[in-house]
Amino acid sequence: SRAEARSKELPAAGAPIVASDRDAGAVDAARANAERCGVAHDITFAVRAVSHLTPPEGVRAPGAIVTNPPYGVRVGGEGELRNLYARTGAVLRGAFPGWRLAIVSADRRLTGQLGIPLHDAVRTTNGGIPVTFAVGDVPGGV
């Protein structure tokens, strides 16, 4: 029930949450959504490219990266997206070994460019596009 769910709400997130995108407009939209939901105080927002991702300061234990990168239906050409996914995988393997990755994608060929073993957790749609929510552990090394 809603009452039961509300009784289990925490006053704050139990771990740092960082939300970032290279597009300032996307970051502003995420911040506005978080403010409407009353959770903006739990999130650090940053405008930054994937090549500049680093774990939150002071975090020693592995955490989770959850991402919904472009998958070519609305944004980017296929070659550009392959490069984005390959670069993302290299950054994650170098800076986030041992972390859990969860990614929304519409194209297994793109997620294959990450170089991170993933398994499908959920198949659904996003804006009418069939997508997979896949998860896996980031291996070490670049």
C-alpha atoms as a PDB file:
ATOM      1  CA  SER A   1       0.000   0.000   0.000  1.00  0.00           C
ATOM      2  CA  ARG A   2       1.035   3.632  -0.345  1.00  0.00           C
ATOM      3  CA  ALA A   3       0.989   4.119   3.406  1.00  0.00           C
ATOM      4  CA  GLU A   4       3.310   1.148   3.871  1.00  0.00           C
ATOM      5  CA  ALA A   5       5.663   2.453   1.185  1.00  0.00           C
ATOM      6  CA  ARG A   6       5.673   5.947   2.725  1.00  0.00           C
ATOM      7  CA  SER A   7       6.469   4.481   6.139  1.00  0.00           C
ATOM      8  CA  LYS A   8       9.648   3.007   4.626  1.00  0.00           C
ATOM      9  CA  GLU A   9      10.857   6.258   3.040  1.00  0.00           C
ATOM     10  CA  LEU A  10      14.273   7.397   4.194  1.00  0.00           C
ATOM     11  CA  PRO A  11      14.899  11.058   5.021  1.00  0.00           C
ATOM     12  CA  ALA A  12      17.911  11.065   2.698  1.00  0.00           C
ATOM     13  CA  ALA A  13      19.746   8.800   0.266  1.00  0.00           C
ATOM     14  CA  GLY A  14      22.094   6.350   1.939  1.00  0.00           C
ATOM     15  CA  ALA A  15      24.867   6.930  -0.610  1.00  0.00           C
ATOM     16  CA  PRO A  16      26.058   9.736  -2.881  1.00  0.00           C
ATOM     17  CA  ILE A  17      24.088  10.135  -6.102  1.00  0.00           C
ATOM     18  CA  VAL A  18      25.684  11.960  -9.025  1.00  0.00           C
ATOM     19  CA  ALA A  19      23.700  12.775 -12.156  1.00  0.00           C
ATOM     20  CA  SER A  20      25.546  14.008 -15.208  1.00  0.00           C
ATOM     21  CA  ASP A  21      25.205  14.593 -18.928  1.00  0.00           C
ATOM     22  CA  ARG A  22      27.279  16.517 -21.434  1.00  0.00           C
ATOM     23  CA  ASP A  23      24.164  18.516 -22.344  1.00  0.00           C
ATOM     24  CA  ALA A  24      23.394  21.329 -19.872  1.00  0.00           C
ATOM     25  CA  GLY A  25      19.723  21.297 -20.882  1.00  0.00           C
ATOM     26  CA  ALA A  26      19.410  17.628 -19.940  1.00  0.00           C
ATOM     27  CA  VAL A  27      21.043  18.323 -16.571  1.00  0.00           C
ATOM     28  CA  ASP A  28      18.696  21.261 -15.955  1.00  0.00           C
ATOM     29  CA  ALA A  29      15.688  19.059 -16.795  1.00  0.00           C
ATOM     30  CA  ALA A  30      16.909  16.322 -14.435  1.00  0.00           C
ATOM     31  CA  ARG A  31      17.439  18.882 -11.662  1.00  0.00           C
ATOM     32  CA  ALA A  32      13.932  20.306 -12.194  1.00  0.00           C
ATOM     33  CA  ASN A  33      12.418  16.810 -12.080  1.00  0.00           C
ATOM     34  CA  ALA A  34      14.317  15.991  -8.875  1.00  0.00           C
ATOM     35  CA  GLU A  35      13.144  19.257  -7.306  1.00  0.00           C
ATOM     36  CA  ARG A  36       9.512  18.467  -8.184  1.00  0.00           C
ATOM     37  CA  CYS A  37       9.940  15.048  -6.561  1.00  0.00           C
ATOM     38  CA  GLY A  38      11.585  16.521  -3.449  1.00  0.00           C
ATOM     39  CA  VAL A  39      14.851  14.605  -3.851  1.00  0.00           C
ATOM     40  CA  ALA A  40      17.164  17.245  -5.350  1.00  0.00           C
ATOM     41  CA  HIS A  41      18.969  17.591  -2.000  1.00  0.00           C
ATOM     42  CA  ASP A  42      20.205  13.998  -2.422  1.00  0.00           C
ATOM     43  CA  ILE A  43      21.736  14.487  -5.870  1.00  0.00           C
ATOM     44  CA  THR A  44      24.830  16.260  -7.148  1.00  0.00           C
ATOM     45  CA  PHE A  45      24.249  17.455 -10.727  1.00  0.00           C
ATOM     46  CA  ALA A  46      27.117  18.013 -13.167  1.00  0.00           C
ATOM     47  CA  VAL A  47      27.544  18.917 -16.813  1.00  0.00           C
ATOM     48  CA  ARG A  48      30.277  16.555 -17.945  1.00  0.00           C
ATOM     49  CA  ALA A  49      31.148  14.233 -20.789  1.00  0.00           C
ATOM     50  CA  VAL A  50      31.415  10.508 -20.168  1.00  0.00           C
ATOM     51  CA  SER A  51      35.184  10.766 -20.637  1.00  0.00           C
ATOM     52  CA  HIS A  52      35.324  12.855 -17.434  1.00  0.00           C
ATOM     53  CA  LEU A  53      33.374  10.491 -15.172  1.00  0.00           C
ATOM     54  CA  THR A  54      34.994   9.629 -11.847  1.00  0.00           C
ATOM     55  CA  PRO A  55      33.636   7.986  -8.698  1.00  0.00           C
ATOM     56  CA  PRO A  56      32.184  10.424  -6.151  1.00  0.00           C
ATOM     57  CA  GLU A  57      34.825  11.790  -3.795  1.00  0.00           C
ATOM     58  CA  GLY A  58      35.263   9.667  -0.690  1.00  0.00           C
ATOM     59  CA  VAL A  59      33.505   6.598  -2.126  1.00  0.00           C
ATOM     60  CA  ARG A  60      35.658   3.551  -1.507  1.00  0.00           C
ATOM     61  CA  ALA A  61      33.221   0.675  -1.985  1.00  0.00           C
ATOM     62  CA  PRO A  62      31.940  -0.093  -5.472  1.00  0.00           C
ATOM     63  CA  GLY A  63      28.627   1.486  -6.330  1.00  0.00           C
ATOM     64  CA  ALA A  64      26.324   1.462  -9.318  1.00  0.00           C
ATOM     65  CA  ILE A  65      26.210   3.326 -12.597  1.00  0.00           C
ATOM     66  CA  VAL A  66      22.775   3.586 -14.189  1.00  0.00           C
ATOM     67  CA  THR A  67      22.647   5.023 -17.681  1.00  0.00           C
ATOM     68  CA  ASN A  68      20.265   5.596 -20.546  1.00  0.00           C
ATOM     69  CA  PRO A  69      22.627   6.637 -23.365  1.00  0.00           C
ATOM     70  CA  PRO A  70      21.396   7.453 -26.867  1.00  0.00           C
ATOM     71  CA  TYR A  71      20.627   4.367 -28.925  1.00  0.00           C
ATOM     72  CA  GLY A  72      20.384   5.806 -32.384  1.00  0.00           C
ATOM     73  CA  VAL A  73      16.638   6.058 -32.800  1.00  0.00           C
ATOM     74  CA  ARG A  74      16.539   9.806 -32.170  1.00  0.00           C
ATOM     75  CA  VAL A  75      20.158  10.917 -31.680  1.00  0.00           C
ATOM     76  CA  GLY A  76      23.467  10.141 -33.406  1.00  0.00           C
ATOM     77  CA  GLY A  77      24.699   8.097 -36.314  1.00  0.00           C
ATOM     78  CA  GLU A  78      25.669   4.453 -35.919  1.00  0.00           C
ATOM     79  CA  GLY A  79      29.440   5.008 -36.127  1.00  0.00           C
ATOM     80  CA  GLU A  80      29.310   7.902 -33.673  1.00  0.00           C
ATOM     81  CA  LEU A  81      27.287   5.813 -31.235  1.00  0.00           C
ATOM     82  CA  ARG A  82      29.633   2.816 -31.512  1.00  0.00           C
ATOM     83  CA  ASN A  83      32.475   5.150 -30.563  1.00  0.00           C
ATOM     84  CA  LEU A  84      30.470   6.601 -27.664  1.00  0.00           C
ATOM     85  CA  TYR A  85      29.726   3.137 -26.259  1.00  0.00           C
ATOM     86  CA  ALA A  86      33.344   1.968 -26.709  1.00  0.00           C
ATOM     87  CA  ARG A  87      34.636   5.126 -25.001  1.00  0.00           C
ATOM     88  CA  THR A  88      32.094   4.698 -22.193  1.00  0.00           C
ATOM     89  CA  GLY A  89      33.227   1.106 -21.650  1.00  0.00           C
ATOM     90  CA  ALA A  90      36.881   2.156 -21.518  1.00  0.00           C
ATOM     91  CA  VAL A  91      36.118   4.883 -18.961  1.00  0.00           C
ATOM     92  CA  LEU A  92      34.064   2.512 -16.810  1.00  0.00           C
ATOM     93  CA  ARG A  93      36.666  -0.254 -16.901  1.00  0.00           C
ATOM     94  CA  GLY A  94      39.407   2.219 -15.992  1.00  0.00           C
ATOM     95  CA  ALA A  95      37.684   4.277 -13.286  1.00  0.00           C
ATOM     96  CA  PHE A  96      34.920   2.015 -11.957  1.00  0.00           C
ATOM     97  CA  PRO A  97      36.219  -1.588 -11.740  1.00  0.00           C
ATOM     98  CA  GLY A  98      33.941  -3.743  -9.620  1.00  0.00           C
ATOM     99  CA  TRP A  99      30.991  -1.375  -9.933  1.00  0.00           C
ATOM    100  CA  ARG A 100      27.587  -2.579 -11.141  1.00  0.00           C
ATOM    101  CA  LEU A 101      26.416  -1.206 -14.486  1.00  0.00           C
ATOM    102  CA  ALA A 102      22.738  -0.951 -15.414  1.00  0.00           C
ATOM    103  CA  ILE A 103      21.993   0.332 -18.911  1.00  0.00           C
ATOM    104  CA  VAL A 104      18.914   0.924 -21.028  1.00  0.00           C
ATOM    105  CA  SER A 105      19.545   0.104 -24.671  1.00  0.00           C
ATOM    106  CA  ALA A 106      17.688  -0.705 -27.853  1.00  0.00           C
ATOM    107  CA  ASP A 107      20.652  -2.265 -29.674  1.00  0.00           C
ATOM    108  CA  ARG A 108      22.796  -5.195 -28.471  1.00  0.00           C
ATOM    109  CA  ARG A 109      25.480  -4.264 -30.995  1.00  0.00           C
ATOM    110  CA  LEU A 110      25.948  -0.974 -29.188  1.00  0.00           C
ATOM    111  CA  THR A 111      26.049  -2.467 -25.688  1.00  0.00           C
ATOM    112  CA  GLY A 112      28.547  -5.023 -27.008  1.00  0.00           C
ATOM    113  CA  GLN A 113      30.916  -2.103 -27.687  1.00  0.00           C
ATOM    114  CA  LEU A 114      31.142  -1.494 -23.917  1.00  0.00           C
ATOM    115  CA  GLY A 115      33.330  -4.557 -23.378  1.00  0.00           C
ATOM    116  CA  ILE A 116      31.379  -5.304 -20.189  1.00  0.00           C
ATOM    117  CA  PRO A 117      29.496  -8.592 -19.801  1.00  0.00           C
ATOM    118  CA  LEU A 118      25.794  -7.839 -19.392  1.00  0.00           C
ATOM    119  CA  HIS A 119      22.649  -9.863 -18.947  1.00  0.00           C
ATOM    120  CA  ASP A 120      19.094  -8.762 -19.648  1.00  0.00           C
ATOM    121  CA  ALA A 121      17.160  -7.953 -16.494  1.00  0.00           C
ATOM    122  CA  VAL A 122      14.024  -6.431 -18.025  1.00  0.00           C
ATOM    123  CA  ARG A 123      12.646  -6.009 -21.515  1.00  0.00           C
ATOM    124  CA  THR A 124      10.242  -3.127 -21.930  1.00  0.00           C
ATOM    125  CA  THR A 125       9.627  -0.050 -24.052  1.00  0.00           C
ATOM    126  CA  ASN A 126      10.866   3.512 -23.690  1.00  0.00           C
ATOM    127  CA  GLY A 127       8.810   6.037 -25.637  1.00  0.00           C
ATOM    128  CA  GLY A 128       7.402   3.184 -27.722  1.00  0.00           C
ATOM    129  CA  ILE A 129      10.895   1.848 -28.563  1.00  0.00           C
ATOM    130  CA  PRO A 130      11.627  -1.753 -27.492  1.00  0.00           C
ATOM    131  CA  VAL A 131      14.534  -1.627 -25.033  1.00  0.00           C
ATOM    132  CA  THR A 132      16.425  -3.871 -22.668  1.00  0.00           C
ATOM    133  CA  PHE A 133      17.514  -2.939 -19.158  1.00  0.00           C
ATOM    134  CA  ALA A 134      20.736  -4.917 -18.858  1.00  0.00           C
ATOM    135  CA  VAL A 135      23.067  -5.276 -15.877  1.00  0.00           C
ATOM    136  CA  GLY A 136      26.600  -6.499 -15.274  1.00  0.00           C
ATOM    137  CA  ASP A 137      29.742  -5.960 -13.272  1.00  0.00           C
ATOM    138  CA  VAL A 138      32.477  -3.702 -14.639  1.00  0.00           C
ATOM    139  CA  PRO A 139      35.744  -5.624 -14.985  1.00  0.00           C
ATOM    140  CA  GLY A 140      39.052  -3.916 -14.150  1.00  0.00           C
ATOM    141  CA  GLY A 141      41.623  -2.633 -16.637  1.00  0.00           C
ATOM    142  CA  VAL A 142      41.325  -0.665 -19.850  1.00  0.00           C
END
